[in-house]
N, C-alpha and C. Protein backbone atom coordinates (compact mmCIF):
# COMPACT_ATOMS: atom_id res chain seq x y z
N MET A 1 140.50 232.81 62.18
CA MET A 1 140.87 233.56 63.42
C MET A 1 140.32 233.44 64.58
N ILE A 2 138.45 233.33 65.05
CA ILE A 2 137.87 232.88 65.38
C ILE A 2 138.31 231.34 65.97
N ALA A 3 138.15 230.27 65.15
CA ALA A 3 138.68 229.03 65.06
C ALA A 3 140.02 228.65 65.75
N THR A 4 141.24 229.43 65.94
CA THR A 4 142.28 229.74 66.38
C THR A 4 141.82 230.23 67.83
N ASN A 5 141.16 230.92 68.43
CA ASN A 5 141.07 231.75 69.05
C ASN A 5 140.14 230.29 70.22
N MET A 6 139.51 229.96 69.62
CA MET A 6 138.53 228.43 70.43
C MET A 6 139.55 227.84 70.72
N ARG A 7 140.64 227.04 69.75
CA ARG A 7 141.43 226.21 69.98
C ARG A 7 142.62 226.35 71.25
N ARG A 8 142.68 227.70 71.48
CA ARG A 8 143.66 227.92 72.10
C ARG A 8 143.31 228.10 73.52
N CYS A 9 141.82 228.40 73.75
CA CYS A 9 141.25 228.24 74.84
C CYS A 9 140.77 226.73 75.55
N SER A 10 140.43 226.12 74.19
CA SER A 10 140.09 224.58 74.91
C SER A 10 141.79 223.82 75.34
N LEU A 11 142.71 224.27 74.61
CA LEU A 11 143.81 223.79 75.35
C LEU A 11 144.38 223.98 76.46
N TRP A 12 143.94 225.49 76.44
CA TRP A 12 144.26 226.08 77.84
C TRP A 12 142.80 225.74 78.99
N GLY A 13 142.05 225.78 78.44
CA GLY A 13 141.22 224.66 79.43
C GLY A 13 141.05 223.04 80.08
N LEU A 14 141.70 222.34 78.42
CA LEU A 14 142.22 220.94 78.96
C LEU A 14 143.54 221.02 80.40
N ALA A 15 144.04 221.88 79.70
CA ALA A 15 146.07 222.02 80.75
C ALA A 15 145.15 222.40 81.68
N THR A 16 144.59 223.16 81.88
CA THR A 16 144.20 223.75 83.38
C THR A 16 143.85 222.55 84.00
N LEU A 17 142.44 221.96 83.15
CA LEU A 17 142.11 220.82 83.96
C LEU A 17 143.11 219.46 84.52
N THR A 18 143.72 219.23 83.60
CA THR A 18 144.51 218.12 83.69
C THR A 18 145.97 218.79 85.03
N VAL A 19 146.35 219.86 84.76
CA VAL A 19 146.98 220.16 86.31
C VAL A 19 146.17 220.18 87.41
N PHE A 20 144.79 220.82 87.69
CA PHE A 20 143.88 220.66 88.43
C PHE A 20 143.81 219.69 89.69
N SER A 21 143.91 218.40 88.52
CA SER A 21 143.19 217.06 88.54
C SER A 21 144.29 216.24 89.27
N LEU A 22 146.02 216.65 88.33
CA LEU A 22 147.24 216.73 89.60
C LEU A 22 147.84 216.23 90.87
N VAL A 23 147.22 217.58 90.69
CA VAL A 23 147.32 218.46 91.90
C VAL A 23 146.25 217.32 92.98
N LEU A 24 145.32 217.47 93.00
CA LEU A 24 144.02 216.97 93.78
C LEU A 24 144.49 215.59 94.25
N SER A 25 144.83 214.30 93.09
CA SER A 25 144.94 213.20 92.99
C SER A 25 146.65 213.27 94.27
N ALA A 26 147.82 214.25 93.98
CA ALA A 26 148.72 214.11 94.67
C ALA A 26 148.61 214.28 96.08
N GLY A 27 147.75 215.28 96.54
CA GLY A 27 147.55 215.64 97.64
C GLY A 27 146.75 214.37 98.57
N CYS A 28 145.83 213.43 97.71
CA CYS A 28 145.35 212.33 98.52
C CYS A 28 146.15 211.68 98.43
N SER A 29 147.35 211.20 97.74
CA SER A 29 147.78 209.81 97.77
C SER A 29 149.12 210.52 98.87
N ALA A 30 148.86 211.26 99.52
CA ALA A 30 149.97 211.52 100.37
C ALA A 30 149.46 211.13 102.01
N ARG A 31 148.10 210.92 102.13
CA ARG A 31 147.80 210.43 103.33
C ARG A 31 147.97 208.77 103.60
N LYS A 32 147.87 208.98 105.25
CA LYS A 32 148.56 207.76 105.59
C LYS A 32 147.30 206.92 106.09
N HIS A 33 146.63 205.78 104.82
CA HIS A 33 145.42 204.91 104.82
C HIS A 33 145.13 204.29 106.11
N ALA A 34 144.60 204.08 106.92
CA ALA A 34 144.03 203.34 107.54
C ALA A 34 144.00 201.40 107.56
N SER A 35 144.69 200.73 107.75
CA SER A 35 143.89 199.36 107.19
C SER A 35 143.34 198.99 108.04
N ALA A 36 142.79 198.10 107.69
CA ALA A 36 141.60 197.06 108.59
C ALA A 36 141.59 197.11 109.61
N SER A 37 143.06 196.64 109.77
CA SER A 37 143.54 196.34 111.55
C SER A 37 143.52 197.09 112.45
N ASP A 38 143.23 198.34 111.82
CA ASP A 38 143.93 199.94 112.67
C ASP A 38 141.82 200.04 113.07
N ILE A 39 141.38 199.41 112.26
CA ILE A 39 139.68 200.16 112.45
C ILE A 39 139.18 199.10 113.24
N GLY A 40 138.71 199.58 114.24
CA GLY A 40 137.66 198.90 115.47
C GLY A 40 138.05 198.38 116.35
N ASP A 41 136.89 197.08 116.73
CA ASP A 41 137.93 196.11 117.79
C ASP A 41 138.44 194.75 117.30
N ALA A 42 139.07 194.46 118.36
CA ALA A 42 139.99 193.22 117.84
C ALA A 42 139.51 191.75 117.88
N CYS A 43 138.51 191.85 119.02
CA CYS A 43 137.58 190.13 118.95
C CYS A 43 136.35 190.10 118.51
N TYR A 44 135.79 189.20 117.98
CA TYR A 44 134.79 188.61 117.77
C TYR A 44 133.82 187.79 118.25
N ALA A 45 132.65 187.54 118.24
CA ALA A 45 132.19 186.32 118.90
C ALA A 45 130.79 186.14 117.78
N LYS A 46 130.30 185.13 117.73
CA LYS A 46 129.08 184.82 117.23
C LYS A 46 128.22 183.46 118.21
N ALA A 47 127.09 183.90 118.03
CA ALA A 47 126.06 183.18 119.02
C ALA A 47 125.27 182.73 117.89
N LEU A 48 124.63 181.33 119.02
CA LEU A 48 123.47 181.00 117.71
C LEU A 48 122.58 180.19 118.22
N PRO A 49 121.28 180.18 118.22
CA PRO A 49 120.12 179.90 118.83
C PRO A 49 120.05 178.23 118.31
N THR A 50 119.14 176.99 118.93
CA THR A 50 118.74 175.94 117.89
C THR A 50 118.26 176.46 117.07
N VAL A 51 117.41 177.33 117.32
CA VAL A 51 116.11 177.54 115.74
C VAL A 51 116.09 179.09 116.27
N GLY A 52 116.52 179.70 114.98
CA GLY A 52 116.07 181.29 114.78
C GLY A 52 117.63 181.72 114.42
N GLU A 53 117.74 183.14 114.31
CA GLU A 53 118.87 183.82 113.62
C GLU A 53 119.57 184.08 114.61
N GLY A 54 121.10 184.34 114.76
CA GLY A 54 121.94 184.53 115.84
C GLY A 54 122.12 185.82 115.23
N GLY A 55 123.49 186.07 116.14
CA GLY A 55 123.95 187.09 116.35
C GLY A 55 125.65 187.26 116.60
N LEU A 56 126.23 188.65 116.08
CA LEU A 56 127.75 188.74 115.75
C LEU A 56 128.12 189.73 115.96
N ALA A 57 128.99 189.70 117.02
CA ALA A 57 129.50 191.45 117.44
C ALA A 57 130.42 191.23 117.79
N TRP A 58 131.29 192.56 117.78
CA TRP A 58 132.76 192.77 117.19
C TRP A 58 133.09 193.40 119.52
N GLY A 59 134.25 193.17 119.67
CA GLY A 59 134.40 193.80 121.42
C GLY A 59 135.74 194.10 121.85
N SER A 60 135.92 195.34 122.26
CA SER A 60 137.61 195.56 122.50
C SER A 60 138.88 193.91 123.29
N SER A 61 137.75 192.93 123.91
CA SER A 61 138.39 192.01 124.50
C SER A 61 137.48 190.71 124.50
N LEU A 62 137.45 189.58 124.34
CA LEU A 62 137.38 188.57 123.86
C LEU A 62 135.52 188.39 124.58
N ASN A 63 135.84 188.61 125.75
CA ASN A 63 134.67 188.59 127.01
C ASN A 63 133.31 189.46 126.43
N MET A 64 133.72 190.90 126.36
CA MET A 64 132.91 191.98 125.56
C MET A 64 132.35 191.74 124.70
N ALA A 65 133.11 190.93 123.33
CA ALA A 65 132.29 190.23 122.13
C ALA A 65 131.26 189.20 122.28
N ARG A 66 131.46 188.27 123.44
CA ARG A 66 130.63 187.23 124.12
C ARG A 66 129.51 187.56 124.14
N GLN A 67 129.78 188.74 125.42
CA GLN A 67 128.46 189.51 125.64
C GLN A 67 127.53 190.26 124.98
N LYS A 68 128.17 190.77 123.87
CA LYS A 68 127.61 191.32 122.94
C LYS A 68 126.98 190.38 121.77
N SER A 69 127.72 189.29 121.41
CA SER A 69 127.01 188.34 120.14
C SER A 69 125.57 187.75 121.22
N MET A 70 125.98 186.90 122.99
CA MET A 70 125.26 186.43 122.97
C MET A 70 123.69 187.34 123.23
N THR A 71 123.87 189.19 124.18
CA THR A 71 122.64 189.57 123.97
C THR A 71 121.86 189.95 122.00
N ASN A 72 122.69 190.08 121.20
CA ASN A 72 122.23 189.89 120.01
C ASN A 72 121.88 188.25 119.09
N CYS A 73 122.34 187.47 120.15
CA CYS A 73 121.70 186.35 119.21
C CYS A 73 120.07 186.20 120.53
N ILE A 74 119.89 186.90 121.24
CA ILE A 74 118.33 186.66 122.04
C ILE A 74 117.55 187.46 121.17
N ARG A 75 118.37 188.46 120.84
CA ARG A 75 116.82 189.81 120.40
C ARG A 75 116.95 189.27 119.24
N TYR A 76 117.93 188.81 118.41
CA TYR A 76 117.42 188.52 117.11
C TYR A 76 116.80 187.07 117.12
N ALA A 77 116.93 186.63 117.54
CA ALA A 77 116.24 185.04 118.25
C ALA A 77 114.76 185.18 118.10
N GLY A 78 114.76 186.44 119.49
CA GLY A 78 112.94 186.32 119.92
C GLY A 78 112.32 186.67 118.61
N ARG A 79 113.14 187.97 117.71
CA ARG A 79 112.45 188.84 116.67
C ARG A 79 112.01 187.98 115.49
N SER A 80 112.89 186.63 115.33
CA SER A 80 112.48 185.64 113.79
C SER A 80 111.98 184.79 114.47
N GLY A 81 111.07 184.34 115.73
CA GLY A 81 110.10 183.17 115.91
C GLY A 81 111.06 182.29 116.20
N GLY A 82 112.69 182.49 116.95
CA GLY A 82 113.22 180.93 117.37
C GLY A 82 113.10 180.91 118.97
N THR A 83 114.30 180.85 119.42
CA THR A 83 114.28 180.01 121.03
C THR A 83 115.51 181.29 121.37
N PRO A 84 114.99 181.98 121.85
CA PRO A 84 116.52 183.00 122.33
C PRO A 84 117.11 182.42 123.91
N ALA A 85 116.10 181.50 123.97
CA ALA A 85 116.84 180.73 125.44
C ALA A 85 117.74 179.90 125.58
N THR A 86 117.84 179.18 124.17
CA THR A 86 119.17 178.43 123.73
C THR A 86 120.51 178.93 122.72
N CYS A 87 120.41 180.18 123.05
CA CYS A 87 121.60 180.86 122.63
C CYS A 87 122.99 180.18 122.82
N GLN A 88 123.66 180.33 122.55
CA GLN A 88 124.79 179.63 122.36
C GLN A 88 126.25 180.45 121.75
N VAL A 89 127.57 180.74 122.49
CA VAL A 89 128.58 181.11 121.76
C VAL A 89 129.25 180.07 121.04
N VAL A 90 129.02 180.10 119.45
CA VAL A 90 129.92 178.72 118.90
C VAL A 90 131.48 179.57 118.44
N LEU A 91 131.60 180.43 118.38
CA LEU A 91 133.14 181.22 117.69
C LEU A 91 133.26 182.15 118.61
N ALA A 92 134.36 182.12 118.94
CA ALA A 92 134.98 183.72 119.41
C ALA A 92 136.56 183.84 119.25
N LYS A 93 137.28 184.88 118.50
CA LYS A 93 138.48 185.15 118.11
C LYS A 93 138.80 187.00 118.62
N CYS A 94 140.21 186.37 118.60
CA CYS A 94 140.98 188.13 118.17
C CYS A 94 141.95 188.02 117.31
N LYS A 95 141.89 189.19 116.67
CA LYS A 95 142.71 189.20 115.28
C LYS A 95 144.30 189.34 116.16
């Protein structure tokens, strides 16, 4: 008798957990997921010095991305023992 009650309780608990997990996963699948192109800025640029580390930056416009990458290049080149004065934008694109 005790074994039968325990089996019923375990089956009940298993059924409850299964239903609960299905309800949670159904709620999540109804959400709209943002694609990678919906998140962040559309333009990016990369600036490199002749020696040292460069900088990659994203911006809402090509000019903004270029300015940010130059600022990052100057900062990172100076920290890495490079030549900040030689930074140049080598790549600039928009999605």
